[in-house]
Amino acid sequence: MQSAQTGNDIRIERLIEWLRDAHAMEAQAETMLTKQASRIEHYPELKARIEQHIDETQNQARLIESCLQRYDKSYSGLKDLGGKMMAMGQAMGGMMVNDEIVKGAQMGYVFE
């Protein structure tokens, strides 16, 4: 009986780590999309869709947080910070190209 409990504990800890990773990915996506939307001037429909995606991403993060709360856990601020820093690097890289809209769409597609 003890080993079954240990196995269950291990599965729960893996789930919690996965949820924390998922939350960090949502934080990364939100930062990346927010930076991209702030620079779009000539594509209002695309900007509106990205802003809608930001709302969806924020909702996903809230859902993940509620899953973590069921186990009396929270997201990892350190993992979220790492994801946000990666997104800032991606956003800065996107600013350096002439076809930022195309590159941004490609990055978004790959990220999803």
PDB file of N, CA and C in Angstrom:
ATOM      1  N   MET A   1       0.826  -1.196   0.000  1.00  0.00           N
ATOM      2  CA  MET A   1       0.000   0.000   0.000  1.00  0.00           C
ATOM      3  C   MET A   1       0.870   1.260   0.000  1.00  0.00           C
ATOM      4  N   GLN A   2       1.956   1.219   0.737  1.00  0.00           N
ATOM      5  CA  GLN A   2       2.851   2.369   0.804  1.00  0.00           C
ATOM      6  C   GLN A   2       3.418   2.721  -0.570  1.00  0.00           C
ATOM      7  N   SER A   3       3.827   1.708  -1.364  1.00  0.00           N
ATOM      8  CA  SER A   3       4.409   1.978  -2.669  1.00  0.00           C
ATOM      9  C   SER A   3       3.385   2.582  -3.629  1.00  0.00           C
ATOM     10  N   ALA A   4       2.122   2.192  -3.508  1.00  0.00           N
ATOM     11  CA  ALA A   4       1.084   2.781  -4.350  1.00  0.00           C
ATOM     12  C   ALA A   4       0.917   4.263  -4.039  1.00  0.00           C
ATOM     13  N   GLN A   5       0.959   4.611  -2.779  1.00  0.00           N
ATOM     14  CA  GLN A   5       0.861   6.019  -2.387  1.00  0.00           C
ATOM     15  C   GLN A   5       2.055   6.801  -2.915  1.00  0.00           C
ATOM     16  N   THR A   6       3.222   6.221  -2.832  1.00  0.00           N
ATOM     17  CA  THR A   6       4.422   6.880  -3.334  1.00  0.00           C
ATOM     18  C   THR A   6       4.313   7.104  -4.839  1.00  0.00           C
ATOM     19  N   GLY A   7       3.823   6.093  -5.565  1.00  0.00           N
ATOM     20  CA  GLY A   7       3.629   6.247  -7.008  1.00  0.00           C
ATOM     21  C   GLY A   7       2.641   7.344  -7.321  1.00  0.00           C
ATOM     22  N   ASN A   8       1.574   7.425  -6.547  1.00  0.00           N
ATOM     23  CA  ASN A   8       0.572   8.474  -6.743  1.00  0.00           C
ATOM     24  C   ASN A   8       1.170   9.848  -6.452  1.00  0.00           C
ATOM     25  N   ASP A   9       1.965   9.927  -5.384  1.00  0.00           N
ATOM     26  CA  ASP A   9       2.620  11.202  -5.055  1.00  0.00           C
ATOM     27  C   ASP A   9       3.537  11.654  -6.187  1.00  0.00           C
ATOM     28  N   ILE A  10       4.250  10.708  -6.766  1.00  0.00           N
ATOM     29  CA  ILE A  10       5.156  11.026  -7.882  1.00  0.00           C
ATOM     30  C   ILE A  10       4.357  11.547  -9.073  1.00  0.00           C
ATOM     31  N   ARG A  11       3.235  10.916  -9.361  1.00  0.00           N
ATOM     32  CA  ARG A  11       2.404  11.376 -10.493  1.00  0.00           C
ATOM     33  C   ARG A  11       1.857  12.772 -10.238  1.00  0.00           C
ATOM     34  N   ILE A  12       1.461  13.044  -9.013  1.00  0.00           N
ATOM     35  CA  ILE A  12       0.942  14.379  -8.678  1.00  0.00           C
ATOM     36  C   ILE A  12       2.048  15.420  -8.813  1.00  0.00           C
ATOM     37  N   GLU A  13       3.242  15.113  -8.336  1.00  0.00           N
ATOM     38  CA  GLU A  13       4.355  16.054  -8.459  1.00  0.00           C
ATOM     39  C   GLU A  13       4.705  16.314  -9.923  1.00  0.00           C
ATOM     40  N   ARG A  14       4.647  15.280 -10.747  1.00  0.00           N
ATOM     41  CA  ARG A  14       4.883  15.464 -12.191  1.00  0.00           C
ATOM     42  C   ARG A  14       3.812  16.357 -12.796  1.00  0.00           C
ATOM     43  N   LEU A  15       2.570  16.140 -12.407  1.00  0.00           N
ATOM     44  CA  LEU A  15       1.468  16.966 -12.897  1.00  0.00           C
ATOM     45  C   LEU A  15       1.686  18.423 -12.500  1.00  0.00           C
ATOM     46  N   ILE A  16       2.070  18.650 -11.267  1.00  0.00           N
ATOM     47  CA  ILE A  16       2.296  20.022 -10.789  1.00  0.00           C
ATOM     48  C   ILE A  16       3.425  20.681 -11.581  1.00  0.00           C
ATOM     49  N   GLU A  17       4.509  19.958 -11.816  1.00  0.00           N
ATOM     50  CA  GLU A  17       5.609  20.513 -12.605  1.00  0.00           C
ATOM     51  C   GLU A  17       5.162  20.812 -14.033  1.00  0.00           C
ATOM     52  N   TRP A  18       4.362  19.915 -14.612  1.00  0.00           N
ATOM     53  CA  TRP A  18       3.853  20.149 -15.958  1.00  0.00           C
ATOM     54  C   TRP A  18       2.970  21.391 -15.976  1.00  0.00           C
ATOM     55  N   LEU A  19       2.116  21.541 -14.976  1.00  0.00           N
ATOM     56  CA  LEU A  19       1.250  22.723 -14.909  1.00  0.00           C
ATOM     57  C   LEU A  19       2.078  23.998 -14.762  1.00  0.00           C
ATOM     58  N   ARG A  20       3.128  23.939 -13.966  1.00  0.00           N
ATOM     59  CA  ARG A  20       4.004  25.109 -13.825  1.00  0.00           C
ATOM     60  C   ARG A  20       4.693  25.433 -15.150  1.00  0.00           C
ATOM     61  N   ASP A  21       5.131  24.404 -15.871  1.00  0.00           N
ATOM     62  CA  ASP A  21       5.727  24.623 -17.194  1.00  0.00           C
ATOM     63  C   ASP A  21       4.706  25.234 -18.156  1.00  0.00           C
ATOM     64  N   ALA A  22       3.483  24.718 -18.119  1.00  0.00           N
ATOM     65  CA  ALA A  22       2.422  25.229 -18.993  1.00  0.00           C
ATOM     66  C   ALA A  22       2.129  26.691 -18.670  1.00  0.00           C
ATOM     67  N   HIS A  23       2.119  27.038 -17.391  1.00  0.00           N
ATOM     68  CA  HIS A  23       1.878  28.427 -16.994  1.00  0.00           C
ATOM     69  C   HIS A  23       2.998  29.328 -17.510  1.00  0.00           C
ATOM     70  N   ALA A  24       4.234  28.841 -17.434  1.00  0.00           N
ATOM     71  CA  ALA A  24       5.368  29.622 -17.942  1.00  0.00           C
ATOM     72  C   ALA A  24       5.248  29.833 -19.449  1.00  0.00           C
ATOM     73  N   MET A  25       4.764  28.816 -20.162  1.00  0.00           N
ATOM     74  CA  MET A  25       4.571  28.968 -21.611  1.00  0.00           C
ATOM     75  C   MET A  25       3.495  30.003 -21.908  1.00  0.00           C
ATOM     76  N   GLU A  26       2.447  30.028 -21.102  1.00  0.00           N
ATOM     77  CA  GLU A  26       1.400  31.036 -21.298  1.00  0.00           C
ATOM     78  C   GLU A  26       1.953  32.431 -21.004  1.00  0.00           C
ATOM     79  N   ALA A  27       2.792  32.560 -19.981  1.00  0.00           N
ATOM     80  CA  ALA A  27       3.414  33.858 -19.683  1.00  0.00           C
ATOM     81  C   ALA A  27       4.293  34.301 -20.842  1.00  0.00           C
ATOM     82  N   GLN A  28       5.040  33.356 -21.404  1.00  0.00           N
ATOM     83  CA  GLN A  28       5.891  33.661 -22.560  1.00  0.00           C
ATOM     84  C   GLN A  28       5.037  34.107 -23.743  1.00  0.00           C
ATOM     85  N   ALA A  29       3.967  33.379 -24.003  1.00  0.00           N
ATOM     86  CA  ALA A  29       3.094  33.720 -25.133  1.00  0.00           C
ATOM     87  C   ALA A  29       2.472  35.097 -24.945  1.00  0.00           C
ATOM     88  N   GLU A  30       2.009  35.385 -23.732  1.00  0.00           N
ATOM     89  CA  GLU A  30       1.381  36.688 -23.485  1.00  0.00           C
ATOM     90  C   GLU A  30       2.364  37.826 -23.740  1.00  0.00           C
ATOM     91  N   THR A  31       3.583  37.683 -23.256  1.00  0.00           N
ATOM     92  CA  THR A  31       4.594  38.724 -23.473  1.00  0.00           C
ATOM     93  C   THR A  31       4.907  38.881 -24.953  1.00  0.00           C
ATOM     94  N   MET A  32       5.103  37.763 -25.640  1.00  0.00           N
ATOM     95  CA  MET A  32       5.438  37.798 -27.062  1.00  0.00           C
ATOM     96  C   MET A  32       4.315  38.451 -27.867  1.00  0.00           C
ATOM     97  N   LEU A  33       3.084  38.046 -27.606  1.00  0.00           N
ATOM     98  CA  LEU A  33       1.945  38.587 -28.351  1.00  0.00           C
ATOM     99  C   LEU A  33       1.707  40.058 -28.047  1.00  0.00           C
ATOM    100  N   THR A  34       1.880  40.442 -26.786  1.00  0.00           N
ATOM    101  CA  THR A  34       1.674  41.840 -26.403  1.00  0.00           C
ATOM    102  C   THR A  34       2.680  42.746 -27.107  1.00  0.00           C
ATOM    103  N   LYS A  35       3.939  42.316 -27.141  1.00  0.00           N
ATOM    104  CA  LYS A  35       4.966  43.111 -27.830  1.00  0.00           C
ATOM    105  C   LYS A  35       4.671  43.191 -29.323  1.00  0.00           C
ATOM    106  N   GLN A  36       4.264  42.076 -29.894  1.00  0.00           N
ATOM    107  CA  GLN A  36       3.964  42.060 -31.331  1.00  0.00           C
ATOM    108  C   GLN A  36       2.778  42.975 -31.631  1.00  0.00           C
ATOM    109  N   ALA A  37       1.719  42.887 -30.848  1.00  0.00           N
ATOM    110  CA  ALA A  37       0.525  43.711 -31.089  1.00  0.00           C
ATOM    111  C   ALA A  37       0.835  45.198 -30.963  1.00  0.00           C
ATOM    112  N   SER A  38       1.750  45.537 -30.064  1.00  0.00           N
ATOM    113  CA  SER A  38       2.060  46.956 -29.853  1.00  0.00           C
ATOM    114  C   SER A  38       2.762  47.583 -31.058  1.00  0.00           C
ATOM    115  N   ARG A  39       3.359  46.752 -31.905  1.00  0.00           N
ATOM    116  CA  ARG A  39       4.092  47.282 -33.061  1.00  0.00           C
ATOM    117  C   ARG A  39       3.306  47.214 -34.366  1.00  0.00           C
ATOM    118  N   ILE A  40       2.166  46.574 -34.359  1.00  0.00           N
ATOM    119  CA  ILE A  40       1.399  46.433 -35.604  1.00  0.00           C
ATOM    120  C   ILE A  40       0.597  47.701 -35.848  1.00  0.00           C
ATOM    121  N   GLU A  41       0.829  48.319 -36.977  1.00  0.00           N
ATOM    122  CA  GLU A  41       0.132  49.552 -37.308  1.00  0.00           C
ATOM    123  C   GLU A  41      -0.759  49.406 -38.538  1.00  0.00           C
ATOM    124  N   HIS A  42      -0.304  48.660 -39.527  1.00  0.00           N
ATOM    125  CA  HIS A  42      -0.974  48.653 -40.826  1.00  0.00           C
ATOM    126  C   HIS A  42      -1.829  47.417 -41.080  1.00  0.00           C
ATOM    127  N   TYR A  43      -2.026  46.598 -40.067  1.00  0.00           N
ATOM    128  CA  TYR A  43      -2.810  45.372 -40.211  1.00  0.00           C
ATOM    129  C   TYR A  43      -3.817  45.282 -39.068  1.00  0.00           C
ATOM    130  N   PRO A  44      -4.871  46.113 -39.118  1.00  0.00           N
ATOM    131  CA  PRO A  44      -5.803  46.176 -37.981  1.00  0.00           C
ATOM    132  C   PRO A  44      -6.508  44.851 -37.681  1.00  0.00           C
ATOM    133  N   GLU A  45      -6.810  44.068 -38.698  1.00  0.00           N
ATOM    134  CA  GLU A  45      -7.476  42.785 -38.441  1.00  0.00           C
ATOM    135  C   GLU A  45      -6.532  41.817 -37.735  1.00  0.00           C
ATOM    136  N   LEU A  46      -5.285  41.793 -38.151  1.00  0.00           N
ATOM    137  CA  LEU A  46      -4.299  40.940 -37.499  1.00  0.00           C
ATOM    138  C   LEU A  46      -4.084  41.390 -36.060  1.00  0.00           C
ATOM    139  N   LYS A  47      -3.975  42.693 -35.860  1.00  0.00           N
ATOM    140  CA  LYS A  47      -3.791  43.213 -34.498  1.00  0.00           C
ATOM    141  C   LYS A  47      -4.967  42.820 -33.611  1.00  0.00           C
ATOM    142  N   ALA A  48      -6.177  42.918 -34.134  1.00  0.00           N
ATOM    143  CA  ALA A  48      -7.367  42.545 -33.354  1.00  0.00           C
ATOM    144  C   ALA A  48      -7.335  41.060 -33.001  1.00  0.00           C
ATOM    145  N   ARG A  49      -6.903  40.226 -33.938  1.00  0.00           N
ATOM    146  CA  ARG A  49      -6.836  38.782 -33.671  1.00  0.00           C
ATOM    147  C   ARG A  49      -5.760  38.467 -32.635  1.00  0.00           C
ATOM    148  N   ILE A  50      -4.634  39.154 -32.709  1.00  0.00           N
ATOM    149  CA  ILE A  50      -3.581  38.951 -31.710  1.00  0.00           C
ATOM    150  C   ILE A  50      -4.072  39.393 -30.336  1.00  0.00           C
ATOM    151  N   GLU A  51      -4.782  40.511 -30.275  1.00  0.00           N
ATOM    152  CA  GLU A  51      -5.318  40.969 -28.992  1.00  0.00           C
ATOM    153  C   GLU A  51      -6.338  39.976 -28.438  1.00  0.00           C
ATOM    154  N   GLN A  52      -7.129  39.364 -29.312  1.00  0.00           N
ATOM    155  CA  GLN A  52      -8.051  38.317 -28.882  1.00  0.00           C
ATOM    156  C   GLN A  52      -7.267  37.116 -28.343  1.00  0.00           C
ATOM    157  N   HIS A  53      -6.185  36.782 -29.018  1.00  0.00           N
ATOM    158  CA  HIS A  53      -5.337  35.671 -28.579  1.00  0.00           C
ATOM    159  C   HIS A  53      -4.713  35.966 -27.215  1.00  0.00           C
ATOM    160  N   ILE A  54      -4.363  37.212 -26.967  1.00  0.00           N
ATOM    161  CA  ILE A  54      -3.834  37.602 -25.654  1.00  0.00           C
ATOM    162  C   ILE A  54      -4.870  37.302 -24.576  1.00  0.00           C
ATOM    163  N   ASP A  55      -6.124  37.670 -24.825  1.00  0.00           N
ATOM    164  CA  ASP A  55      -7.197  37.375 -23.865  1.00  0.00           C
ATOM    165  C   ASP A  55      -7.332  35.871 -23.637  1.00  0.00           C
ATOM    166  N   GLU A  56      -7.259  35.091 -24.715  1.00  0.00           N
ATOM    167  CA  GLU A  56      -7.348  33.633 -24.604  1.00  0.00           C
ATOM    168  C   GLU A  56      -6.183  33.085 -23.780  1.00  0.00           C
ATOM    169  N   THR A  57      -5.002  33.628 -24.017  1.00  0.00           N
ATOM    170  CA  THR A  57      -3.799  33.199 -23.299  1.00  0.00           C
ATOM    171  C   THR A  57      -3.917  33.510 -21.812  1.00  0.00           C
ATOM    172  N   GLN A  58      -4.410  34.694 -21.492  1.00  0.00           N
ATOM    173  CA  GLN A  58      -4.599  35.060 -20.082  1.00  0.00           C
ATOM    174  C   GLN A  58      -5.616  34.143 -19.411  1.00  0.00           C
ATOM    175  N   ASN A  59      -6.664  33.782 -20.132  1.00  0.00           N
ATOM    176  CA  ASN A  59      -7.665  32.866 -19.592  1.00  0.00           C
ATOM    177  C   ASN A  59      -7.050  31.488 -19.343  1.00  0.00           C
ATOM    178  N   GLN A  60      -6.221  31.022 -20.277  1.00  0.00           N
ATOM    179  CA  GLN A  60      -5.546  29.732 -20.102  1.00  0.00           C
ATOM    180  C   GLN A  60      -4.682  29.756 -18.846  1.00  0.00           C
ATOM    181  N   ALA A  61      -3.959  30.846 -18.633  1.00  0.00           N
ATOM    182  CA  ALA A  61      -3.110  30.962 -17.443  1.00  0.00           C
ATOM    183  C   ALA A  61      -3.961  30.891 -16.173  1.00  0.00           C
ATOM    184  N   ARG A  62      -5.112  31.540 -16.180  1.00  0.00           N
ATOM    185  CA  ARG A  62      -6.005  31.482 -15.008  1.00  0.00           C
ATOM    186  C   ARG A  62      -6.510  30.062 -14.763  1.00  0.00           C
ATOM    187  N   LEU A  63      -6.842  29.340 -15.836  1.00  0.00           N
ATOM    188  CA  LEU A  63      -7.294  27.957 -15.695  1.00  0.00           C
ATOM    189  C   LEU A  63      -6.190  27.076 -15.104  1.00  0.00           C
ATOM    190  N   ILE A  64      -4.976  27.284 -15.563  1.00  0.00           N
ATOM    191  CA  ILE A  64      -3.845  26.525 -15.022  1.00  0.00           C
ATOM    192  C   ILE A  64      -3.652  26.850 -13.548  1.00  0.00           C
ATOM    193  N   GLU A  65      -3.757  28.132 -13.196  1.00  0.00           N
ATOM    194  CA  GLU A  65      -3.635  28.529 -11.791  1.00  0.00           C
ATOM    195  C   GLU A  65      -4.691  27.838 -10.931  1.00  0.00           C
ATOM    196  N   SER A  66      -5.921  27.724 -11.447  1.00  0.00           N
ATOM    197  CA  SER A  66      -6.972  27.056 -10.672  1.00  0.00           C
ATOM    198  C   SER A  66      -6.665  25.570 -10.501  1.00  0.00           C
ATOM    199  N   CYS A  67      -6.061  24.948 -11.503  1.00  0.00           N
ATOM    200  CA  CYS A  67      -5.650  23.541 -11.371  1.00  0.00           C
ATOM    201  C   CYS A  67      -4.592  23.399 -10.286  1.00  0.00           C
ATOM    202  N   LEU A  68      -3.629  24.308 -10.271  1.00  0.00           N
ATOM    203  CA  LEU A  68      -2.591  24.266  -9.248  1.00  0.00           C
ATOM    204  C   LEU A  68      -3.168  24.489  -7.850  1.00  0.00           C
ATOM    205  N   GLN A  69      -4.140  25.384  -7.746  1.00  0.00           N
ATOM    206  CA  GLN A  69      -4.748  25.666  -6.446  1.00  0.00           C
ATOM    207  C   GLN A  69      -5.456  24.443  -5.870  1.00  0.00           C
ATOM    208  N   ARG A  70      -5.936  23.553  -6.733  1.00  0.00           N
ATOM    209  CA  ARG A  70      -6.571  22.322  -6.249  1.00  0.00           C
ATOM    210  C   ARG A  70      -5.603  21.473  -5.439  1.00  0.00           C
ATOM    211  N   TYR A  71      -4.320  21.614  -5.733  1.00  0.00           N
ATOM    212  CA  TYR A  71      -3.283  20.876  -5.007  1.00  0.00           C
ATOM    213  C   TYR A  71      -2.567  21.772  -4.006  1.00  0.00           C
ATOM    214  N   ASP A  72      -3.138  22.938  -3.741  1.00  0.00           N
ATOM    215  CA  ASP A  72      -2.565  23.911  -2.815  1.00  0.00           C
ATOM    216  C   ASP A  72      -1.161  24.324  -3.262  1.00  0.00           C
ATOM    217  N   LYS A  73      -0.995  24.509  -4.572  1.00  0.00           N
ATOM    218  CA  LYS A  73       0.276  24.911  -5.168  1.00  0.00           C
ATOM    219  C   LYS A  73       0.065  26.175  -5.977  1.00  0.00           C
ATOM    220  N   SER A  74       1.161  26.788  -6.390  1.00  0.00           N
ATOM    221  CA  SER A  74       1.081  27.969  -7.247  1.00  0.00           C
ATOM    222  C   SER A  74       2.072  27.803  -8.387  1.00  0.00           C
ATOM    223  N   TYR A  75       1.988  28.715  -9.352  1.00  0.00           N
ATOM    224  CA  TYR A  75       2.895  28.668 -10.485  1.00  0.00           C
ATOM    225  C   TYR A  75       4.299  29.058 -10.036  1.00  0.00           C
ATOM    226  N   SER A  76       5.267  28.780 -10.873  1.00  0.00           N
ATOM    227  CA  SER A  76       6.662  29.093 -10.571  1.00  0.00           C
ATOM    228  C   SER A  76       7.010  30.465 -11.139  1.00  0.00           C
ATOM    229  N   GLY A  77       7.223  31.419 -10.268  1.00  0.00           N
ATOM    230  CA  GLY A  77       7.604  32.754 -10.712  1.00  0.00           C
ATOM    231  C   GLY A  77       8.909  32.739 -11.493  1.00  0.00           C
ATOM    232  N   LEU A  78       9.820  31.852 -11.106  1.00  0.00           N
ATOM    233  CA  LEU A  78      11.102  31.758 -11.790  1.00  0.00           C
ATOM    234  C   LEU A  78      10.921  31.235 -13.216  1.00  0.00           C
ATOM    235  N   LYS A  79      10.095  30.199 -13.378  1.00  0.00           N
ATOM    236  CA  LYS A  79       9.836  29.681 -14.725  1.00  0.00           C
ATOM    237  C   LYS A  79       9.114  30.725 -15.572  1.00  0.00           C
ATOM    238  N   ASP A  80       8.149  31.430 -14.966  1.00  0.00           N
ATOM    239  CA  ASP A  80       7.435  32.470 -15.703  1.00  0.00           C
ATOM    240  C   ASP A  80       8.396  33.567 -16.157  1.00  0.00           C
ATOM    241  N   LEU A  81       9.313  33.959 -15.270  1.00  0.00           N
ATOM    242  CA  LEU A  81      10.290  34.991 -15.623  1.00  0.00           C
ATOM    243  C   LEU A  81      11.166  34.533 -16.781  1.00  0.00           C
ATOM    244  N   GLY A  82      11.597  33.274 -16.738  1.00  0.00           N
ATOM    245  CA  GLY A  82      12.400  32.733 -17.838  1.00  0.00           C
ATOM    246  C   GLY A  82      11.649  32.779 -19.158  1.00  0.00           C
ATOM    247  N   GLY A  83      10.373  32.403 -19.123  1.00  0.00           N
ATOM    248  CA  GLY A  83       9.558  32.452 -20.337  1.00  0.00           C
ATOM    249  C   GLY A  83       9.388  33.867 -20.859  1.00  0.00           C
ATOM    250  N   LYS A  84       9.178  34.809 -19.951  1.00  0.00           N
ATOM    251  CA  LYS A  84       9.010  36.205 -20.361  1.00  0.00           C
ATOM    252  C   LYS A  84      10.303  36.761 -20.954  1.00  0.00           C
ATOM    253  N   MET A  85      11.427  36.358 -20.380  1.00  0.00           N
ATOM    254  CA  MET A  85      12.709  36.824 -20.917  1.00  0.00           C
ATOM    255  C   MET A  85      12.939  36.264 -22.318  1.00  0.00           C
ATOM    256  N   MET A  86      12.571  35.004 -22.531  1.00  0.00           N
ATOM    257  CA  MET A  86      12.693  34.421 -23.866  1.00  0.00           C
ATOM    258  C   MET A  86      11.804  35.171 -24.847  1.00  0.00           C
ATOM    259  N   ALA A  87      10.603  35.521 -24.420  1.00  0.00           N
ATOM    260  CA  ALA A  87       9.680  36.248 -25.297  1.00  0.00           C
ATOM    261  C   ALA A  87      10.217  37.630 -25.632  1.00  0.00           C
ATOM    262  N   MET A  88      10.855  38.276 -24.671  1.00  0.00           N
ATOM    263  CA  MET A  88      11.432  39.597 -24.946  1.00  0.00           C
ATOM    264  C   MET A  88      12.530  39.473 -26.005  1.00  0.00           C
ATOM    265  N   GLY A  89      13.342  38.429 -25.907  1.00  0.00           N
ATOM    266  CA  GLY A  89      14.381  38.193 -26.912  1.00  0.00           C
ATOM    267  C   GLY A  89      13.784  37.946 -28.278  1.00  0.00           C
ATOM    268  N   GLN A  90      12.696  37.170 -28.319  1.00  0.00           N
ATOM    269  CA  GLN A  90      12.019  36.906 -29.587  1.00  0.00           C
ATOM    270  C   GLN A  90      11.464  38.203 -30.168  1.00  0.00           C
ATOM    271  N   ALA A  91      10.874  39.021 -29.304  1.00  0.00           N
ATOM    272  CA  ALA A  91      10.289  40.280 -29.768  1.00  0.00           C
ATOM    273  C   ALA A  91      11.372  41.218 -30.300  1.00  0.00           C
ATOM    274  N   MET A  92      12.493  41.281 -29.612  1.00  0.00           N
ATOM    275  CA  MET A  92      13.583  42.150 -30.070  1.00  0.00           C
ATOM    276  C   MET A  92      14.144  41.647 -31.402  1.00  0.00           C
ATOM    277  N   GLY A  93      14.234  40.331 -31.548  1.00  0.00           N
ATOM    278  CA  GLY A  93      14.694  39.768 -32.819  1.00  0.00           C
ATOM    279  C   GLY A  93      13.734  40.089 -33.949  1.00  0.00           C
ATOM    280  N   GLY A  94      12.452  40.081 -33.659  1.00  0.00           N
ATOM    281  CA  GLY A  94      11.448  40.391 -34.671  1.00  0.00           C
ATOM    282  C   GLY A  94      11.506  41.827 -35.139  1.00  0.00           C
ATOM    283  N   MET A  95      11.952  42.713 -34.261  1.00  0.00           N
ATOM    284  CA  MET A  95      12.040  44.128 -34.623  1.00  0.00           C
ATOM    285  C   MET A  95      13.152  44.381 -35.632  1.00  0.00           C
ATOM    286  N   MET A  96      14.084  43.464 -35.754  1.00  0.00           N
ATOM    287  CA  MET A  96      15.261  43.679 -36.588  1.00  0.00           C
ATOM    288  C   MET A  96      15.069  43.240 -38.041  1.00  0.00           C
ATOM    289  N   VAL A  97      13.930  42.693 -38.375  1.00  0.00           N
ATOM    290  CA  VAL A  97      13.721  42.185 -39.734  1.00  0.00           C
ATOM    291  C   VAL A  97      12.716  43.066 -40.473  1.00  0.00           C
ATOM    292  N   ASN A  98      12.823  43.071 -41.801  1.00  0.00           N
ATOM    293  CA  ASN A  98      11.924  43.884 -42.620  1.00  0.00           C
ATOM    294  C   ASN A  98      10.524  43.290 -42.689  1.00  0.00           C
ATOM    295  N   ASP A  99      10.417  41.987 -42.604  1.00  0.00           N
ATOM    296  CA  ASP A  99       9.125  41.322 -42.736  1.00  0.00           C
ATOM    297  C   ASP A  99       8.637  40.798 -41.378  1.00  0.00           C
ATOM    298  N   GLU A 100       8.588  41.702 -40.401  1.00  0.00           N
ATOM    299  CA  GLU A 100       8.232  41.319 -39.035  1.00  0.00           C
ATOM    300  C   GLU A 100       6.875  40.630 -38.954  1.00  0.00           C
ATOM    301  N   ILE A 101       5.913  41.062 -39.739  1.00  0.00           N
ATOM    302  CA  ILE A 101       4.576  40.467 -39.691  1.00  0.00           C
ATOM    303  C   ILE A 101       4.648  39.002 -40.089  1.00  0.00           C
ATOM    304  N   VAL A 102       5.361  38.700 -41.152  1.00  0.00           N
ATOM    305  CA  VAL A 102       5.488  37.313 -41.605  1.00  0.00           C
ATOM    306  C   VAL A 102       6.260  36.497 -40.580  1.00  0.00           C
ATOM    307  N   LYS A 103       7.377  37.035 -40.102  1.00  0.00           N
ATOM    308  CA  LYS A 103       8.184  36.314 -39.110  1.00  0.00           C
ATOM    309  C   LYS A 103       7.389  36.108 -37.822  1.00  0.00           C
ATOM    310  N   GLY A 104       6.629  37.104 -37.418  1.00  0.00           N
ATOM    311  CA  GLY A 104       5.797  36.983 -36.221  1.00  0.00           C
ATOM    312  C   GLY A 104       4.732  35.919 -36.379  1.00  0.00           C
ATOM    313  N   ALA A 105       4.134  35.858 -37.563  1.00  0.00           N
ATOM    314  CA  ALA A 105       3.123  34.829 -37.823  1.00  0.00           C
ATOM    315  C   ALA A 105       3.752  33.442 -37.785  1.00  0.00           C
ATOM    316  N   GLN A 106       4.948  33.316 -38.350  1.00  0.00           N
ATOM    317  CA  GLN A 106       5.647  32.028 -38.317  1.00  0.00           C
ATOM    318  C   GLN A 106       5.972  31.624 -36.879  1.00  0.00           C
ATOM    319  N   MET A 107       6.492  32.557 -36.085  1.00  0.00           N
ATOM    320  CA  MET A 107       6.817  32.255 -34.697  1.00  0.00           C
ATOM    321  C   MET A 107       5.577  31.848 -33.923  1.00  0.00           C
ATOM    322  N   GLY A 108       4.482  32.569 -34.160  1.00  0.00           N
ATOM    323  CA  GLY A 108       3.226  32.245 -33.477  1.00  0.00           C
ATOM    324  C   GLY A 108       2.718  30.865 -33.831  1.00  0.00           C
ATOM    325  N   TYR A 109       2.827  30.536 -35.094  1.00  0.00           N
ATOM    326  CA  TYR A 109       2.373  29.215 -35.553  1.00  0.00           C
ATOM    327  C   TYR A 109       3.218  28.118 -34.918  1.00  0.00           C
ATOM    328  N   VAL A 110       4.525  28.289 -34.932  1.00  0.00           N
ATOM    329  CA  VAL A 110       5.421  27.294 -34.359  1.00  0.00           C
ATOM    330  C   VAL A 110       5.183  27.184 -32.851  1.00  0.00           C
ATOM    331  N   PHE A 111       5.017  28.309 -32.185  1.00  0.00           N
ATOM    332  CA  PHE A 111       4.803  28.309 -30.734  1.00  0.00           C
ATOM    333  C   PHE A 111       3.541  27.554 -30.358  1.00  0.00           C
ATOM    334  N   GLU A 112       2.476  27.804 -31.132  1.00  0.00           N
ATOM    335  CA  GLU A 112       1.217  27.110 -30.846  1.00  0.00           C
ATOM    336  C   GLU A 112       1.355  25.633 -31.084  1.00  0.00           C
TER     337      GLU A 112
END
